[in-house]
Amino acid sequence: MLVCERRGYGLYRTSTQTSARRLYYYLCIGFDAYRHLKGAVCDNPPVRRDQLDAVVWKEVVRLLEDPSIIADELNHRL
C-alpha cells in the first residue's frame, strides 16, 4: 500500500535495534543494492513507522469526521 515517491517501488517494513528499543520503519525496495544489478536505484530515506502512523491516523480521523470526502472520491473514480 505504500509507494516510493521518487521511484514508484513498493515500501516494506524493516527494523533496527538501538540500545534502548527497536525502531520500525519503511524502506523503498529500490534502496537495497542487492536487489538490482547496478546497485541501489533509490536514495529516498526510510520513513519511521511511528511518524507515518501519526499522519495516517490524522487522515483517518479527517475522513471519519467528513464522510462526504469519501463519497466525492468514489464519484470521481466512477
PDB file of N, CA and C in Angstrom:
ATOM      1  N   MET A   1       0.802  -1.195   0.000  1.00  0.00           N
ATOM      2  CA  MET A   1       0.000   0.000   0.000  1.00  0.00           C
ATOM      3  C   MET A   1       0.844   1.257   0.000  1.00  0.00           C
ATOM      4  N   LEU A   2       2.077   1.156   0.436  1.00  0.00           N
ATOM      5  CA  LEU A   2       2.956   2.324   0.423  1.00  0.00           C
ATOM      6  C   LEU A   2       3.828   2.286  -0.820  1.00  0.00           C
ATOM      7  N   VAL A   3       3.987   3.440  -1.452  1.00  0.00           N
ATOM      8  CA  VAL A   3       4.752   3.530  -2.692  1.00  0.00           C
ATOM      9  C   VAL A   3       5.778   4.650  -2.563  1.00  0.00           C
ATOM     10  N   CYS A   4       6.972   4.396  -3.053  1.00  0.00           N
ATOM     11  CA  CYS A   4       8.038   5.393  -3.033  1.00  0.00           C
ATOM     12  C   CYS A   4       7.677   6.560  -3.944  1.00  0.00           C
ATOM     13  N   GLU A   5       7.828   7.753  -3.419  1.00  0.00           N
ATOM     14  CA  GLU A   5       7.504   8.962  -4.171  1.00  0.00           C
ATOM     15  C   GLU A   5       8.457   9.160  -5.359  1.00  0.00           C
ATOM     16  N   ARG A   6       9.698   8.770  -5.215  1.00  0.00           N
ATOM     17  CA  ARG A   6      10.692   9.011  -6.262  1.00  0.00           C
ATOM     18  C   ARG A   6      10.688   7.956  -7.356  1.00  0.00           C
ATOM     19  N   ARG A   7      10.573   6.680  -6.974  1.00  0.00           N
ATOM     20  CA  ARG A   7      10.733   5.596  -7.948  1.00  0.00           C
ATOM     21  C   ARG A   7       9.466   4.813  -8.241  1.00  0.00           C
ATOM     22  N   GLY A   8       8.474   4.916  -7.378  1.00  0.00           N
ATOM     23  CA  GLY A   8       7.243   4.177  -7.595  1.00  0.00           C
ATOM     24  C   GLY A   8       7.301   2.731  -7.126  1.00  0.00           C
ATOM     25  N   TYR A   9       8.412   2.325  -6.527  1.00  0.00           N
ATOM     26  CA  TYR A   9       8.527   0.977  -5.971  1.00  0.00           C
ATOM     27  C   TYR A   9       7.734   0.891  -4.672  1.00  0.00           C
ATOM     28  N   GLY A  10       7.393  -0.329  -4.294  1.00  0.00           N
ATOM     29  CA  GLY A  10       6.734  -0.537  -3.018  1.00  0.00           C
ATOM     30  C   GLY A  10       7.699  -0.332  -1.863  1.00  0.00           C
ATOM     31  N   LEU A  11       7.141  -0.002  -0.712  1.00  0.00           N
ATOM     32  CA  LEU A  11       7.936   0.111   0.510  1.00  0.00           C
ATOM     33  C   LEU A  11       7.670  -1.118   1.375  1.00  0.00           C
ATOM     34  N   TYR A  12       8.659  -1.535   2.101  1.00  0.00           N
ATOM     35  CA  TYR A  12       8.489  -2.662   3.004  1.00  0.00           C
ATOM     36  C   TYR A  12       8.936  -2.261   4.399  1.00  0.00           C
ATOM     37  N   ARG A  13       8.379  -2.974   5.387  1.00  0.00           N
ATOM     38  CA  ARG A  13       8.716  -2.664   6.774  1.00  0.00           C
ATOM     39  C   ARG A  13       9.964  -3.420   7.192  1.00  0.00           C
ATOM     40  N   THR A  14      10.823  -2.735   7.888  1.00  0.00           N
ATOM     41  CA  THR A  14      12.022  -3.347   8.435  1.00  0.00           C
ATOM     42  C   THR A  14      12.273  -2.718   9.808  1.00  0.00           C
ATOM     43  N   SER A  15      13.292  -3.167  10.490  1.00  0.00           N
ATOM     44  CA  SER A  15      13.545  -2.632  11.824  1.00  0.00           C
ATOM     45  C   SER A  15      15.039  -2.609  12.118  1.00  0.00           C
ATOM     46  N   THR A  16      15.371  -1.887  13.163  1.00  0.00           N
ATOM     47  CA  THR A  16      16.735  -1.840  13.671  1.00  0.00           C
ATOM     48  C   THR A  16      16.667  -1.759  15.188  1.00  0.00           C
ATOM     49  N   GLN A  17      17.681  -2.257  15.822  1.00  0.00           N
ATOM     50  CA  GLN A  17      17.722  -2.268  17.285  1.00  0.00           C
ATOM     51  C   GLN A  17      18.682  -1.200  17.775  1.00  0.00           C
ATOM     52  N   THR A  18      18.198  -0.329  18.652  1.00  0.00           N
ATOM     53  CA  THR A  18      19.084   0.625  19.318  1.00  0.00           C
ATOM     54  C   THR A  18      19.378   0.063  20.708  1.00  0.00           C
ATOM     55  N   SER A  19      20.157   0.766  21.464  1.00  0.00           N
ATOM     56  CA  SER A  19      20.450   0.293  22.819  1.00  0.00           C
ATOM     57  C   SER A  19      19.206   0.335  23.707  1.00  0.00           C
ATOM     58  N   ALA A  20      18.260   1.194  23.367  1.00  0.00           N
ATOM     59  CA  ALA A  20      17.077   1.362  24.205  1.00  0.00           C
ATOM     60  C   ALA A  20      15.841   0.622  23.693  1.00  0.00           C
ATOM     61  N   ARG A  21      15.688   0.521  22.357  1.00  0.00           N
ATOM     62  CA  ARG A  21      14.457  -0.065  21.816  1.00  0.00           C
ATOM     63  C   ARG A  21      14.629  -0.456  20.356  1.00  0.00           C
ATOM     64  N   ARG A  22      13.615  -1.102  19.838  1.00  0.00           N
ATOM     65  CA  ARG A  22      13.587  -1.473  18.423  1.00  0.00           C
ATOM     66  C   ARG A  22      12.789  -0.415  17.667  1.00  0.00           C
ATOM     67  N   LEU A  23      13.353   0.074  16.565  1.00  0.00           N
ATOM     68  CA  LEU A  23      12.681   1.055  15.719  1.00  0.00           C
ATOM     69  C   LEU A  23      12.226   0.378  14.434  1.00  0.00           C
ATOM     70  N   TYR A  24      10.981   0.638  14.047  1.00  0.00           N
ATOM     71  CA  TYR A  24      10.442   0.108  12.801  1.00  0.00           C
ATOM     72  C   TYR A  24      10.341   1.248  11.806  1.00  0.00           C
ATOM     73  N   TYR A  25      10.612   0.929  10.555  1.00  0.00           N
ATOM     74  CA  TYR A  25      10.499   1.936   9.515  1.00  0.00           C
ATOM     75  C   TYR A  25      10.214   1.273   8.180  1.00  0.00           C
ATOM     76  N   TYR A  26       9.823   2.094   7.200  1.00  0.00           N
ATOM     77  CA  TYR A  26       9.526   1.622   5.853  1.00  0.00           C
ATOM     78  C   TYR A  26      10.632   2.085   4.915  1.00  0.00           C
ATOM     79  N   LEU A  27      10.996   1.200   4.001  1.00  0.00           N
ATOM     80  CA  LEU A  27      12.123   1.445   3.115  1.00  0.00           C
ATOM     81  C   LEU A  27      11.743   1.066   1.686  1.00  0.00           C
ATOM     82  N   CYS A  28      12.167   1.866   0.725  1.00  0.00           N
ATOM     83  CA  CYS A  28      11.913   1.592  -0.693  1.00  0.00           C
ATOM     84  C   CYS A  28      12.711   0.366  -1.137  1.00  0.00           C
ATOM     85  N   ILE A  29      12.078  -0.490  -1.913  1.00  0.00           N
ATOM     86  CA  ILE A  29      12.773  -1.669  -2.436  1.00  0.00           C
ATOM     87  C   ILE A  29      13.961  -1.252  -3.308  1.00  0.00           C
ATOM     88  N   GLY A  30      13.873  -0.097  -3.946  1.00  0.00           N
ATOM     89  CA  GLY A  30      14.967   0.401  -4.772  1.00  0.00           C
ATOM     90  C   GLY A  30      16.194   0.824  -3.983  1.00  0.00           C
ATOM     91  N   PHE A  31      16.056   0.954  -2.673  1.00  0.00           N
ATOM     92  CA  PHE A  31      17.157   1.366  -1.812  1.00  0.00           C
ATOM     93  C   PHE A  31      18.156   0.227  -1.579  1.00  0.00           C
ATOM     94  N   ASP A  32      17.682  -1.004  -1.702  1.00  0.00           N
ATOM     95  CA  ASP A  32      18.519  -2.178  -1.439  1.00  0.00           C
ATOM     96  C   ASP A  32      19.400  -2.502  -2.642  1.00  0.00           C
ATOM     97  N   ALA A  33      20.695  -2.333  -2.483  1.00  0.00           N
ATOM     98  CA  ALA A  33      21.632  -2.553  -3.586  1.00  0.00           C
ATOM     99  C   ALA A  33      21.607  -3.992  -4.090  1.00  0.00           C
ATOM    100  N   TYR A  34      21.409  -4.956  -3.205  1.00  0.00           N
ATOM    101  CA  TYR A  34      21.455  -6.355  -3.622  1.00  0.00           C
ATOM    102  C   TYR A  34      20.275  -6.749  -4.514  1.00  0.00           C
ATOM    103  N   ARG A  35      19.262  -5.947  -4.582  1.00  0.00           N
ATOM    104  CA  ARG A  35      18.086  -6.263  -5.398  1.00  0.00           C
ATOM    105  C   ARG A  35      18.252  -5.849  -6.864  1.00  0.00           C
ATOM    106  N   HIS A  36      19.281  -5.064  -7.163  1.00  0.00           N
ATOM    107  CA  HIS A  36      19.446  -4.516  -8.508  1.00  0.00           C
ATOM    108  C   HIS A  36      20.873  -4.759  -8.997  1.00  0.00           C
ATOM    109  N   LEU A  37      21.018  -5.057 -10.271  1.00  0.00           N
ATOM    110  CA  LEU A  37      22.325  -5.395 -10.833  1.00  0.00           C
ATOM    111  C   LEU A  37      23.353  -4.282 -10.680  1.00  0.00           C
ATOM    112  N   LYS A  38      22.920  -3.046 -10.817  1.00  0.00           N
ATOM    113  CA  LYS A  38      23.858  -1.919 -10.744  1.00  0.00           C
ATOM    114  C   LYS A  38      23.848  -1.230  -9.386  1.00  0.00           C
ATOM    115  N   GLY A  39      23.328  -1.883  -8.378  1.00  0.00           N
ATOM    116  CA  GLY A  39      23.279  -1.300  -7.041  1.00  0.00           C
ATOM    117  C   GLY A  39      21.972  -0.571  -6.789  1.00  0.00           C
ATOM    118  N   ALA A  40      21.921   0.129  -5.700  1.00  0.00           N
ATOM    119  CA  ALA A  40      20.706   0.841  -5.298  1.00  0.00           C
ATOM    120  C   ALA A  40      20.285   1.847  -6.365  1.00  0.00           C
ATOM    121  N   VAL A  41      18.986   1.918  -6.615  1.00  0.00           N
ATOM    122  CA  VAL A  41      18.470   2.847  -7.619  1.00  0.00           C
ATOM    123  C   VAL A  41      17.646   3.965  -6.990  1.00  0.00           C
ATOM    124  N   CYS A  42      17.513   3.953  -5.676  1.00  0.00           N
ATOM    125  CA  CYS A  42      16.738   4.973  -4.980  1.00  0.00           C
ATOM    126  C   CYS A  42      17.500   5.428  -3.738  1.00  0.00           C
ATOM    127  N   ASP A  43      17.501   6.726  -3.515  1.00  0.00           N
ATOM    128  CA  ASP A  43      18.162   7.248  -2.323  1.00  0.00           C
ATOM    129  C   ASP A  43      17.160   7.904  -1.371  1.00  0.00           C
ATOM    130  N   ASN A  44      15.884   7.578  -1.561  1.00  0.00           N
ATOM    131  CA  ASN A  44      14.851   8.097  -0.676  1.00  0.00           C
ATOM    132  C   ASN A  44      15.096   7.577   0.743  1.00  0.00           C
ATOM    133  N   PRO A  45      15.101   8.440   1.738  1.00  0.00           N
ATOM    134  CA  PRO A  45      15.387   7.981   3.106  1.00  0.00           C
ATOM    135  C   PRO A  45      14.248   7.139   3.669  1.00  0.00           C
ATOM    136  N   PRO A  46      14.547   6.290   4.638  1.00  0.00           N
ATOM    137  CA  PRO A  46      13.498   5.491   5.277  1.00  0.00           C
ATOM    138  C   PRO A  46      12.503   6.383   6.020  1.00  0.00           C
ATOM    139  N   VAL A  47      11.284   5.873   6.180  1.00  0.00           N
ATOM    140  CA  VAL A  47      10.235   6.585   6.903  1.00  0.00           C
ATOM    141  C   VAL A  47       9.952   5.818   8.183  1.00  0.00           C
ATOM    142  N   ARG A  48      10.073   6.472   9.326  1.00  0.00           N
ATOM    143  CA  ARG A  48       9.815   5.793  10.600  1.00  0.00           C
ATOM    144  C   ARG A  48       8.335   5.491  10.756  1.00  0.00           C
ATOM    145  N   ARG A  49       8.041   4.290  11.229  1.00  0.00           N
ATOM    146  CA  ARG A  49       6.659   3.849  11.364  1.00  0.00           C
ATOM    147  C   ARG A  49       5.874   4.740  12.316  1.00  0.00           C
ATOM    148  N   ASP A  50       6.456   5.136  13.419  1.00  0.00           N
ATOM    149  CA  ASP A  50       5.712   5.955  14.377  1.00  0.00           C
ATOM    150  C   ASP A  50       5.319   7.304  13.778  1.00  0.00           C
ATOM    151  N   GLN A  51       6.162   7.870  12.934  1.00  0.00           N
ATOM    152  CA  GLN A  51       5.836   9.139  12.285  1.00  0.00           C
ATOM    153  C   GLN A  51       4.757   8.952  11.223  1.00  0.00           C
ATOM    154  N   LEU A  52       4.855   7.863  10.470  1.00  0.00           N
ATOM    155  CA  LEU A  52       3.859   7.574   9.448  1.00  0.00           C
ATOM    156  C   LEU A  52       2.503   7.276  10.086  1.00  0.00           C
ATOM    157  N   ASP A  53       2.489   6.529  11.177  1.00  0.00           N
ATOM    158  CA  ASP A  53       1.236   6.221  11.874  1.00  0.00           C
ATOM    159  C   ASP A  53       0.492   7.491  12.264  1.00  0.00           C
ATOM    160  N   ALA A  54       1.213   8.491  12.735  1.00  0.00           N
ATOM    161  CA  ALA A  54       0.580   9.742  13.145  1.00  0.00           C
ATOM    162  C   ALA A  54      -0.105  10.425  11.963  1.00  0.00           C
ATOM    163  N   VAL A  55       0.544  10.433  10.812  1.00  0.00           N
ATOM    164  CA  VAL A  55      -0.028  11.059   9.615  1.00  0.00           C
ATOM    165  C   VAL A  55      -1.250  10.280   9.140  1.00  0.00           C
ATOM    166  N   VAL A  56      -1.152   8.956   9.132  1.00  0.00           N
ATOM    167  CA  VAL A  56      -2.260   8.117   8.664  1.00  0.00           C
ATOM    168  C   VAL A  56      -3.475   8.283   9.578  1.00  0.00           C
ATOM    169  N   TRP A  57      -3.275   8.242  10.883  1.00  0.00           N
ATOM    170  CA  TRP A  57      -4.400   8.380  11.809  1.00  0.00           C
ATOM    171  C   TRP A  57      -5.048   9.759  11.699  1.00  0.00           C
ATOM    172  N   LYS A  58      -4.266  10.779  11.458  1.00  0.00           N
ATOM    173  CA  LYS A  58      -4.829  12.118  11.282  1.00  0.00           C
ATOM    174  C   LYS A  58      -5.759  12.146  10.069  1.00  0.00           C
ATOM    175  N   GLU A  59      -5.352  11.487   8.993  1.00  0.00           N
ATOM    176  CA  GLU A  59      -6.171  11.417   7.784  1.00  0.00           C
ATOM    177  C   GLU A  59      -7.421  10.564   8.007  1.00  0.00           C
ATOM    178  N   VAL A  60      -7.301   9.459   8.727  1.00  0.00           N
ATOM    179  CA  VAL A  60      -8.458   8.609   9.027  1.00  0.00           C
ATOM    180  C   VAL A  60      -9.499   9.402   9.821  1.00  0.00           C
ATOM    181  N   VAL A  61      -9.048  10.124  10.817  1.00  0.00           N
ATOM    182  CA  VAL A  61      -9.962  10.939  11.621  1.00  0.00           C
ATOM    183  C   VAL A  61     -10.649  11.986  10.751  1.00  0.00           C
ATOM    184  N   ARG A  62      -9.897  12.606   9.866  1.00  0.00           N
ATOM    185  CA  ARG A  62     -10.476  13.617   8.960  1.00  0.00           C
ATOM    186  C   ARG A  62     -11.568  13.010   8.095  1.00  0.00           C
ATOM    187  N   LEU A  63     -11.326  11.804   7.563  1.00  0.00           N
ATOM    188  CA  LEU A  63     -12.318  11.145   6.722  1.00  0.00           C
ATOM    189  C   LEU A  63     -13.546  10.726   7.525  1.00  0.00           C
ATOM    190  N   LEU A  64     -13.353  10.282   8.754  1.00  0.00           N
ATOM    191  CA  LEU A  64     -14.485   9.895   9.590  1.00  0.00           C
ATOM    192  C   LEU A  64     -15.341  11.103   9.985  1.00  0.00           C
ATOM    193  N   GLU A  65     -14.693  12.233  10.157  1.00  0.00           N
ATOM    194  CA  GLU A  65     -15.424  13.446  10.528  1.00  0.00           C
ATOM    195  C   GLU A  65     -16.189  14.044   9.346  1.00  0.00           C
ATOM    196  N   ASP A  66     -15.750  13.748   8.129  1.00  0.00           N
ATOM    197  CA  ASP A  66     -16.409  14.283   6.937  1.00  0.00           C
ATOM    198  C   ASP A  66     -16.522  13.194   5.873  1.00  0.00           C
ATOM    199  N   PRO A  67     -17.533  12.318   5.983  1.00  0.00           N
ATOM    200  CA  PRO A  67     -17.688  11.202   5.035  1.00  0.00           C
ATOM    201  C   PRO A  67     -17.932  11.649   3.591  1.00  0.00           C
ATOM    202  N   SER A  68     -18.314  12.910   3.395  1.00  0.00           N
ATOM    203  CA  SER A  68     -18.541  13.380   2.023  1.00  0.00           C
ATOM    204  C   SER A  68     -17.248  13.345   1.203  1.00  0.00           C
ATOM    205  N   ILE A  69     -16.104  13.406   1.860  1.00  0.00           N
ATOM    206  CA  ILE A  69     -14.815  13.323   1.147  1.00  0.00           C
ATOM    207  C   ILE A  69     -14.703  11.972   0.453  1.00  0.00           C
ATOM    208  N   ILE A  70     -15.104  10.919   1.143  1.00  0.00           N
ATOM    209  CA  ILE A  70     -15.053   9.577   0.558  1.00  0.00           C
ATOM    210  C   ILE A  70     -16.049   9.464  -0.582  1.00  0.00           C
ATOM    211  N   ALA A  71     -17.279   9.965  -0.369  1.00  0.00           N
ATOM    212  CA  ALA A  71     -18.304   9.919  -1.415  1.00  0.00           C
ATOM    213  C   ALA A  71     -17.847  10.686  -2.659  1.00  0.00           C
ATOM    214  N   ASP A  72     -17.250  11.845  -2.474  1.00  0.00           N
ATOM    215  CA  ASP A  72     -16.751  12.634  -3.614  1.00  0.00           C
ATOM    216  C   ASP A  72     -15.674  11.872  -4.377  1.00  0.00           C
ATOM    217  N   GLU A  73     -14.761  11.219  -3.652  1.00  0.00           N
ATOM    218  CA  GLU A  73     -13.692  10.457  -4.307  1.00  0.00           C
ATOM    219  C   GLU A  73     -14.261   9.273  -5.079  1.00  0.00           C
ATOM    220  N   LEU A  74     -15.226   8.574  -4.495  1.00  0.00           N
ATOM    221  CA  LEU A  74     -15.860   7.449  -5.201  1.00  0.00           C
ATOM    222  C   LEU A  74     -16.555   7.910  -6.478  1.00  0.00           C
ATOM    223  N   ASN A  75     -17.286   9.021  -6.386  1.00  0.00           N
ATOM    224  CA  ASN A  75     -17.953   9.568  -7.573  1.00  0.00           C
ATOM    225  C   ASN A  75     -16.947   9.984  -8.634  1.00  0.00           C
ATOM    226  N   HIS A  76     -15.847  10.546  -8.217  1.00  0.00           N
ATOM    227  CA  HIS A  76     -14.795  10.961  -9.162  1.00  0.00           C
ATOM    228  C   HIS A  76     -14.225   9.750  -9.902  1.00  0.00           C
ATOM    229  N   ARG A  77     -14.021   8.655  -9.186  1.00  0.00           N
ATOM    230  CA  ARG A  77     -13.426   7.460  -9.796  1.00  0.00           C
ATOM    231  C   ARG A  77     -14.404   6.698 -10.681  1.00  0.00           C
ATOM    232  N   LEU A  78     -15.697   6.843 -10.440  1.00  0.00           N
ATOM    233  CA  LEU A  78     -16.701   6.192 -11.281  1.00  0.00           C
ATOM    234  C   LEU A  78     -16.823   6.912 -12.596  1.00  0.00           C
TER     235      LEU A  78
END
